[in-house]
Amino acid sequence: MRRRVSRLALLGVLRSRSDGIWTSAALVDNPAHRRNVEAAYARLRDLYTRLSSLEELADLPMSEPWSGAPPLRAAARISGEYLLRLVDRLTALLHDPTDAAVWLEIVRSSTTLAPEDVAGPPALVRRPVARTLIARQLGLPSETVRRRIARLSALGACERSGAGLVVPNEVLQRADFAAVIDRNLTDLRRMFIGLAQLGALPAPAGVAAIAA
């Protein structure tokens, strides 16, 4: 940890002081950072809307909507805590945070929802994803991703299918992965409860906001 903090300090990402570790003001007080935070906030609200349409978040303790500019930093802190929990759980399972990121990207890039005109409840469709796309999405060298995929394959966490990679249902249904998925659902709900109490989410249709 000490070496990593020192490395980040050399990059100007944070500052280490006697009273703790601080994020560099220059890193967060600039237009590019604000655009990134605004985009992340929009994605959070979009995810919330989609989950609400599936009636997965109908009983959240909604507060009065935030007045004025959206609470971007507070929302980023709450969602960041969720992300760290997810990375921590996957790192414990896959032994390395970069391997965890590669595995998540395989899941994300190879999984889509079936078209809305297909009868029945929403279903997942899995299509193999190319290694080059994973590398591009994560901003990692292709050779690095190749080595990480080899390690994940050795763990049985993913498999090749045609010209790409997938995480099959059999992997997700394994006891170790199922436990992480269940905990992640709890963490995801905790994140949205925090955002709802902050007033950072729109009230679902038919649900009145309550006082915080």
C-alpha atoms as a PDB file:
ATOM      1  CA  MET A   1       0.000   0.000   0.000  1.00  0.00           C
ATOM      2  CA  ARG A   2       2.773   2.445   0.907  1.00  0.00           C
ATOM      3  CA  ARG A   3       4.488   1.898  -2.455  1.00  0.00           C
ATOM      4  CA  ARG A   4       1.263   2.384  -4.368  1.00  0.00           C
ATOM      5  CA  VAL A   5       0.467   5.601  -2.501  1.00  0.00           C
ATOM      6  CA  SER A   6       3.974   6.884  -3.225  1.00  0.00           C
ATOM      7  CA  ARG A   7       3.532   6.041  -6.911  1.00  0.00           C
ATOM      8  CA  LEU A   8       0.208   7.874  -7.095  1.00  0.00           C
ATOM      9  CA  ALA A   9       1.752  10.854  -5.315  1.00  0.00           C
ATOM     10  CA  LEU A  10       4.504  10.999  -7.933  1.00  0.00           C
ATOM     11  CA  LEU A  11       1.833  11.047 -10.628  1.00  0.00           C
ATOM     12  CA  GLY A  12       0.169  13.980  -8.898  1.00  0.00           C
ATOM     13  CA  VAL A  13      -3.045  12.039  -8.303  1.00  0.00           C
ATOM     14  CA  LEU A  14      -2.966  12.455  -4.527  1.00  0.00           C
ATOM     15  CA  ARG A  15      -1.007  13.958  -1.674  1.00  0.00           C
ATOM     16  CA  SER A  16       0.232  12.152   1.410  1.00  0.00           C
ATOM     17  CA  ARG A  17       0.275  14.274   4.565  1.00  0.00           C
ATOM     18  CA  SER A  18       0.720  13.615   8.259  1.00  0.00           C
ATOM     19  CA  ASP A  19      -3.061  13.711   8.756  1.00  0.00           C
ATOM     20  CA  GLY A  20      -3.891  11.355   5.893  1.00  0.00           C
ATOM     21  CA  ILE A  21      -4.115  10.993   2.122  1.00  0.00           C
ATOM     22  CA  TRP A  22      -5.746  13.723   0.061  1.00  0.00           C
ATOM     23  CA  THR A  23      -6.848  13.882  -3.557  1.00  0.00           C
ATOM     24  CA  SER A  24      -5.055  16.558  -5.525  1.00  0.00           C
ATOM     25  CA  ALA A  25      -7.342  19.556  -6.066  1.00  0.00           C
ATOM     26  CA  ALA A  26      -5.989  19.976  -9.594  1.00  0.00           C
ATOM     27  CA  LEU A  27      -7.284  16.502 -10.422  1.00  0.00           C
ATOM     28  CA  VAL A  28     -10.906  17.214  -9.512  1.00  0.00           C
ATOM     29  CA  ASP A  29     -11.266  20.957 -10.081  1.00  0.00           C
ATOM     30  CA  ASN A  30     -11.138  20.947 -13.866  1.00  0.00           C
ATOM     31  CA  PRO A  31     -13.667  20.712 -16.734  1.00  0.00           C
ATOM     32  CA  ALA A  32     -12.575  17.241 -17.865  1.00  0.00           C
ATOM     33  CA  HIS A  33     -13.178  15.739 -14.417  1.00  0.00           C
ATOM     34  CA  ARG A  34     -16.572  17.411 -14.179  1.00  0.00           C
ATOM     35  CA  ARG A  35     -17.593  16.002 -17.569  1.00  0.00           C
ATOM     36  CA  ASN A  36     -16.585  12.524 -16.429  1.00  0.00           C
ATOM     37  CA  VAL A  37     -18.522  12.865 -13.171  1.00  0.00           C
ATOM     38  CA  GLU A  38     -21.587  14.205 -14.998  1.00  0.00           C
ATOM     39  CA  ALA A  39     -21.466  11.266 -17.439  1.00  0.00           C
ATOM     40  CA  ALA A  40     -21.167   8.790 -14.560  1.00  0.00           C
ATOM     41  CA  TYR A  41     -24.101  10.441 -12.778  1.00  0.00           C
ATOM     42  CA  ALA A  42     -26.214  10.172 -15.932  1.00  0.00           C
ATOM     43  CA  ARG A  43     -25.379   6.473 -16.201  1.00  0.00           C
ATOM     44  CA  LEU A  44     -26.372   5.950 -12.570  1.00  0.00           C
ATOM     45  CA  ARG A  45     -29.750   7.558 -13.155  1.00  0.00           C
ATOM     46  CA  ASP A  46     -30.223   5.513 -16.334  1.00  0.00           C
ATOM     47  CA  LEU A  47     -29.423   2.276 -14.480  1.00  0.00           C
ATOM     48  CA  TYR A  48     -31.833   3.272 -11.730  1.00  0.00           C
ATOM     49  CA  THR A  49     -34.584   3.936 -14.277  1.00  0.00           C
ATOM     50  CA  ARG A  50     -34.046   0.559 -15.943  1.00  0.00           C
ATOM     51  CA  LEU A  51     -34.022  -1.333 -12.636  1.00  0.00           C
ATOM     52  CA  SER A  52     -37.124   0.548 -11.493  1.00  0.00           C
ATOM     53  CA  SER A  53     -38.931  -0.499 -14.677  1.00  0.00           C
ATOM     54  CA  LEU A  54     -38.279  -4.095 -13.601  1.00  0.00           C
ATOM     55  CA  GLU A  55     -39.709  -3.264 -10.146  1.00  0.00           C
ATOM     56  CA  GLU A  56     -36.403  -4.082  -8.460  1.00  0.00           C
ATOM     57  CA  LEU A  57     -36.160  -0.807  -6.490  1.00  0.00           C
ATOM     58  CA  ALA A  58     -39.792   0.049  -5.783  1.00  0.00           C
ATOM     59  CA  ASP A  59     -39.423   0.364  -1.998  1.00  0.00           C
ATOM     60  CA  LEU A  60     -36.433   2.716  -1.738  1.00  0.00           C
ATOM     61  CA  PRO A  61     -36.764   5.469   0.913  1.00  0.00           C
ATOM     62  CA  MET A  62     -37.059   8.386  -1.532  1.00  0.00           C
ATOM     63  CA  SER A  63     -36.241  11.901  -0.287  1.00  0.00           C
ATOM     64  CA  GLU A  64     -37.183  15.247  -1.790  1.00  0.00           C
ATOM     65  CA  PRO A  65     -35.283  15.740  -5.063  1.00  0.00           C
ATOM     66  CA  TRP A  66     -32.068  17.718  -4.756  1.00  0.00           C
ATOM     67  CA  SER A  67     -32.659  21.371  -5.588  1.00  0.00           C
ATOM     68  CA  GLY A  68     -30.263  23.239  -7.850  1.00  0.00           C
ATOM     69  CA  ALA A  69     -27.224  21.613  -9.450  1.00  0.00           C
ATOM     70  CA  PRO A  70     -27.082  17.813  -9.015  1.00  0.00           C
ATOM     71  CA  PRO A  71     -24.954  16.517  -6.092  1.00  0.00           C
ATOM     72  CA  LEU A  72     -22.252  15.145  -8.364  1.00  0.00           C
ATOM     73  CA  ARG A  73     -19.479  14.695  -5.794  1.00  0.00           C
ATOM     74  CA  ALA A  74     -21.729  13.102  -3.194  1.00  0.00           C
ATOM     75  CA  ALA A  75     -23.145  10.724  -5.819  1.00  0.00           C
ATOM     76  CA  ALA A  76     -19.599   9.904  -6.993  1.00  0.00           C
ATOM     77  CA  ARG A  77     -18.573   9.096  -3.413  1.00  0.00           C
ATOM     78  CA  ILE A  78     -21.540   6.769  -2.875  1.00  0.00           C
ATOM     79  CA  SER A  79     -21.094   4.996  -6.214  1.00  0.00           C
ATOM     80  CA  GLY A  80     -17.329   4.831  -5.655  1.00  0.00           C
ATOM     81  CA  GLU A  81     -17.879   2.986  -2.375  1.00  0.00           C
ATOM     82  CA  TYR A  82     -20.044   0.472  -4.236  1.00  0.00           C
ATOM     83  CA  LEU A  83     -17.374  -0.016  -6.906  1.00  0.00           C
ATOM     84  CA  LEU A  84     -14.648  -0.596  -4.308  1.00  0.00           C
ATOM     85  CA  ARG A  85     -16.776  -3.250  -2.603  1.00  0.00           C
ATOM     86  CA  LEU A  86     -17.297  -5.022  -5.927  1.00  0.00           C
ATOM     87  CA  VAL A  87     -13.595  -4.909  -6.800  1.00  0.00           C
ATOM     88  CA  ASP A  88     -12.684  -6.149  -3.318  1.00  0.00           C
ATOM     89  CA  ARG A  89     -15.031  -9.141  -3.567  1.00  0.00           C
ATOM     90  CA  LEU A  90     -13.890 -10.079  -7.073  1.00  0.00           C
ATOM     91  CA  THR A  91     -10.225  -9.637  -6.171  1.00  0.00           C
ATOM     92  CA  ALA A  92     -10.670 -12.073  -3.283  1.00  0.00           C
ATOM     93  CA  LEU A  93     -12.168 -14.548  -5.758  1.00  0.00           C
ATOM     94  CA  LEU A  94      -9.841 -13.980  -8.745  1.00  0.00           C
ATOM     95  CA  HIS A  95      -6.683 -13.009  -6.800  1.00  0.00           C
ATOM     96  CA  ASP A  96      -5.893  -9.777  -8.677  1.00  0.00           C
ATOM     97  CA  PRO A  97      -7.784  -6.487  -9.259  1.00  0.00           C
ATOM     98  CA  THR A  98      -6.716  -6.267 -12.911  1.00  0.00           C
ATOM     99  CA  ASP A  99      -7.895  -9.828 -13.506  1.00  0.00           C
ATOM    100  CA  ALA A 100     -11.173  -8.814 -11.868  1.00  0.00           C
ATOM    101  CA  ALA A 101     -11.490  -5.831 -14.238  1.00  0.00           C
ATOM    102  CA  VAL A 102     -10.829  -8.042 -17.270  1.00  0.00           C
ATOM    103  CA  TRP A 103     -13.406 -10.573 -16.076  1.00  0.00           C
ATOM    104  CA  LEU A 104     -16.010  -7.854 -15.540  1.00  0.00           C
ATOM    105  CA  GLU A 105     -15.353  -6.486 -19.018  1.00  0.00           C
ATOM    106  CA  ILE A 106     -15.833  -9.930 -20.537  1.00  0.00           C
ATOM    107  CA  VAL A 107     -19.176 -10.177 -18.744  1.00  0.00           C
ATOM    108  CA  ARG A 108     -20.214  -6.660 -19.753  1.00  0.00           C
ATOM    109  CA  SER A 109     -19.131  -6.729 -23.387  1.00  0.00           C
ATOM    110  CA  SER A 110     -20.437 -10.214 -24.107  1.00  0.00           C
ATOM    111  CA  THR A 111     -23.848  -9.758 -22.474  1.00  0.00           C
ATOM    112  CA  THR A 112     -26.848  -7.888 -23.875  1.00  0.00           C
ATOM    113  CA  LEU A 113     -30.577  -7.909 -23.271  1.00  0.00           C
ATOM    114  CA  ALA A 114     -32.749  -9.751 -25.748  1.00  0.00           C
ATOM    115  CA  PRO A 115     -34.753  -7.437 -28.049  1.00  0.00           C
ATOM    116  CA  GLU A 116     -37.817  -5.919 -26.387  1.00  0.00           C
ATOM    117  CA  ASP A 117     -40.130  -7.491 -28.946  1.00  0.00           C
ATOM    118  CA  VAL A 118     -39.195 -10.987 -27.757  1.00  0.00           C
ATOM    119  CA  ALA A 119     -42.034 -12.495 -25.730  1.00  0.00           C
ATOM    120  CA  GLY A 120     -41.547 -13.150 -22.037  1.00  0.00           C
ATOM    121  CA  PRO A 121     -39.454 -11.476 -19.319  1.00  0.00           C
ATOM    122  CA  PRO A 122     -36.148  -9.761 -20.192  1.00  0.00           C
ATOM    123  CA  ALA A 123     -33.494 -12.340 -21.036  1.00  0.00           C
ATOM    124  CA  LEU A 124     -29.734 -12.124 -21.374  1.00  0.00           C
ATOM    125  CA  VAL A 125     -28.020 -12.946 -24.638  1.00  0.00           C
ATOM    126  CA  ARG A 126     -24.317 -13.803 -24.585  1.00  0.00           C
ATOM    127  CA  ARG A 127     -22.076 -13.280 -27.586  1.00  0.00           C
ATOM    128  CA  PRO A 128     -18.312 -13.938 -27.598  1.00  0.00           C
ATOM    129  CA  VAL A 129     -16.197 -10.801 -27.169  1.00  0.00           C
ATOM    130  CA  ALA A 130     -12.813 -10.392 -28.839  1.00  0.00           C
ATOM    131  CA  ARG A 131      -9.657  -9.923 -26.769  1.00  0.00           C
ATOM    132  CA  THR A 132      -8.819  -6.779 -28.751  1.00  0.00           C
ATOM    133  CA  LEU A 133     -12.123  -5.190 -27.728  1.00  0.00           C
ATOM    134  CA  ILE A 134     -11.481  -5.994 -24.055  1.00  0.00           C
ATOM    135  CA  ALA A 135      -8.034  -4.393 -24.290  1.00  0.00           C
ATOM    136  CA  ARG A 136      -9.454  -1.300 -25.989  1.00  0.00           C
ATOM    137  CA  GLN A 137     -12.278  -0.896 -23.487  1.00  0.00           C
ATOM    138  CA  LEU A 138      -9.908  -1.144 -20.522  1.00  0.00           C
ATOM    139  CA  GLY A 139      -7.036   0.792 -22.075  1.00  0.00           C
ATOM    140  CA  LEU A 140      -4.644  -2.117 -21.508  1.00  0.00           C
ATOM    141  CA  PRO A 141      -2.009  -3.612 -23.843  1.00  0.00           C
ATOM    142  CA  SER A 142      -3.312  -6.594 -25.782  1.00  0.00           C
ATOM    143  CA  GLU A 143      -0.502  -8.815 -24.444  1.00  0.00           C
ATOM    144  CA  THR A 144      -1.413  -7.905 -20.861  1.00  0.00           C
ATOM    145  CA  VAL A 145      -5.016  -8.851 -21.521  1.00  0.00           C
ATOM    146  CA  ARG A 146      -3.905 -12.113 -23.148  1.00  0.00           C
ATOM    147  CA  ARG A 147      -1.984 -13.111 -20.009  1.00  0.00           C
ATOM    148  CA  ARG A 148      -4.876 -12.130 -17.744  1.00  0.00           C
ATOM    149  CA  ILE A 149      -7.327 -14.144 -19.826  1.00  0.00           C
ATOM    150  CA  ALA A 150      -5.029 -17.158 -19.625  1.00  0.00           C
ATOM    151  CA  ARG A 151      -5.073 -16.888 -15.834  1.00  0.00           C
ATOM    152  CA  LEU A 152      -8.846 -16.486 -15.740  1.00  0.00           C
ATOM    153  CA  SER A 153      -9.282 -19.489 -18.037  1.00  0.00           C
ATOM    154  CA  ALA A 154      -7.048 -21.561 -15.748  1.00  0.00           C
ATOM    155  CA  LEU A 155      -9.358 -20.639 -12.856  1.00  0.00           C
ATOM    156  CA  GLY A 156     -12.370 -21.691 -14.914  1.00  0.00           C
ATOM    157  CA  ALA A 157     -13.730 -18.128 -14.748  1.00  0.00           C
ATOM    158  CA  CYS A 158     -14.224 -17.744 -18.520  1.00  0.00           C
ATOM    159  CA  GLU A 159     -13.885 -19.780 -21.686  1.00  0.00           C
ATOM    160  CA  ARG A 160     -13.279 -19.354 -25.373  1.00  0.00           C
ATOM    161  CA  SER A 161     -16.234 -19.561 -27.730  1.00  0.00           C
ATOM    162  CA  GLY A 162     -15.572 -19.211 -31.418  1.00  0.00           C
ATOM    163  CA  ALA A 163     -13.391 -16.148 -31.991  1.00  0.00           C
ATOM    164  CA  GLY A 164     -13.998 -14.638 -28.558  1.00  0.00           C
ATOM    165  CA  LEU A 165     -14.609 -15.137 -24.874  1.00  0.00           C
ATOM    166  CA  VAL A 166     -17.660 -15.583 -22.680  1.00  0.00           C
ATOM    167  CA  VAL A 167     -18.492 -16.209 -19.044  1.00  0.00           C
ATOM    168  CA  PRO A 168     -21.024 -19.066 -19.309  1.00  0.00           C
ATOM    169  CA  ASN A 169     -23.979 -19.524 -16.998  1.00  0.00           C
ATOM    170  CA  GLU A 170     -22.276 -22.526 -15.424  1.00  0.00           C
ATOM    171  CA  VAL A 171     -19.554 -20.225 -14.077  1.00  0.00           C
ATOM    172  CA  LEU A 172     -22.017 -17.659 -12.706  1.00  0.00           C
ATOM    173  CA  GLN A 173     -23.960 -20.446 -10.997  1.00  0.00           C
ATOM    174  CA  ARG A 174     -20.907 -21.811  -9.171  1.00  0.00           C
ATOM    175  CA  ALA A 175     -21.165 -21.372  -5.409  1.00  0.00           C
ATOM    176  CA  ASP A 176     -18.207 -18.969  -5.200  1.00  0.00           C
ATOM    177  CA  PHE A 177     -19.407 -16.702  -8.010  1.00  0.00           C
ATOM    178  CA  ALA A 178     -23.049 -16.936  -6.898  1.00  0.00           C
ATOM    179  CA  ALA A 179     -22.033 -15.722  -3.425  1.00  0.00           C
ATOM    180  CA  VAL A 180     -20.271 -12.685  -4.947  1.00  0.00           C
ATOM    181  CA  ILE A 181     -23.287 -11.948  -7.147  1.00  0.00           C
ATOM    182  CA  ASP A 182     -25.661 -12.126  -4.167  1.00  0.00           C
ATOM    183  CA  ARG A 183     -23.456  -9.787  -2.123  1.00  0.00           C
ATOM    184  CA  ASN A 184     -23.179  -7.465  -5.089  1.00  0.00           C
ATOM    185  CA  LEU A 185     -26.962  -7.201  -5.335  1.00  0.00           C
ATOM    186  CA  THR A 186     -27.025  -6.179  -1.673  1.00  0.00           C
ATOM    187  CA  ASP A 187     -24.272  -3.624  -2.283  1.00  0.00           C
ATOM    188  CA  LEU A 188     -26.063  -2.293  -5.369  1.00  0.00           C
ATOM    189  CA  ARG A 189     -29.223  -1.771  -3.368  1.00  0.00           C
ATOM    190  CA  ARG A 190     -27.212  -0.070  -0.602  1.00  0.00           C
ATOM    191  CA  MET A 191     -25.795   2.320  -3.200  1.00  0.00           C
ATOM    192  CA  PHE A 192     -29.225   3.251  -4.518  1.00  0.00           C
ATOM    193  CA  ILE A 193     -30.576   3.692  -0.983  1.00  0.00           C
ATOM    194  CA  GLY A 194     -27.770   6.181  -0.334  1.00  0.00           C
ATOM    195  CA  LEU A 195     -28.531   8.023  -3.585  1.00  0.00           C
ATOM    196  CA  ALA A 196     -32.269   8.007  -2.861  1.00  0.00           C
ATOM    197  CA  GLN A 197     -31.779   9.424   0.637  1.00  0.00           C
ATOM    198  CA  LEU A 198     -29.574  12.096  -0.893  1.00  0.00           C
ATOM    199  CA  GLY A 199     -32.383  13.075  -3.244  1.00  0.00           C
ATOM    200  CA  ALA A 200     -30.208  12.275  -6.241  1.00  0.00           C
ATOM    201  CA  LEU A 201     -32.708   9.963  -7.955  1.00  0.00           C
ATOM    202  CA  PRO A 202     -36.020  10.688  -9.670  1.00  0.00           C
ATOM    203  CA  ALA A 203     -39.004   9.177  -7.867  1.00  0.00           C
ATOM    204  CA  PRO A 204     -40.418   6.171  -9.761  1.00  0.00           C
ATOM    205  CA  ALA A 205     -43.778   6.642 -11.413  1.00  0.00           C
ATOM    206  CA  GLY A 206     -46.520   6.494  -8.784  1.00  0.00           C
ATOM    207  CA  VAL A 207     -44.138   6.849  -5.831  1.00  0.00           C
ATOM    208  CA  ALA A 208     -44.234  10.068  -3.844  1.00  0.00           C
ATOM    209  CA  ALA A 209     -41.044  11.433  -2.308  1.00  0.00           C
ATOM    210  CA  ILE A 210     -40.830  11.476   1.487  1.00  0.00           C
ATOM    211  CA  ALA A 211     -38.928  13.823   3.736  1.00  0.00           C
ATOM    212  CA  ALA A 212     -35.376  12.742   4.497  1.00  0.00           C
END
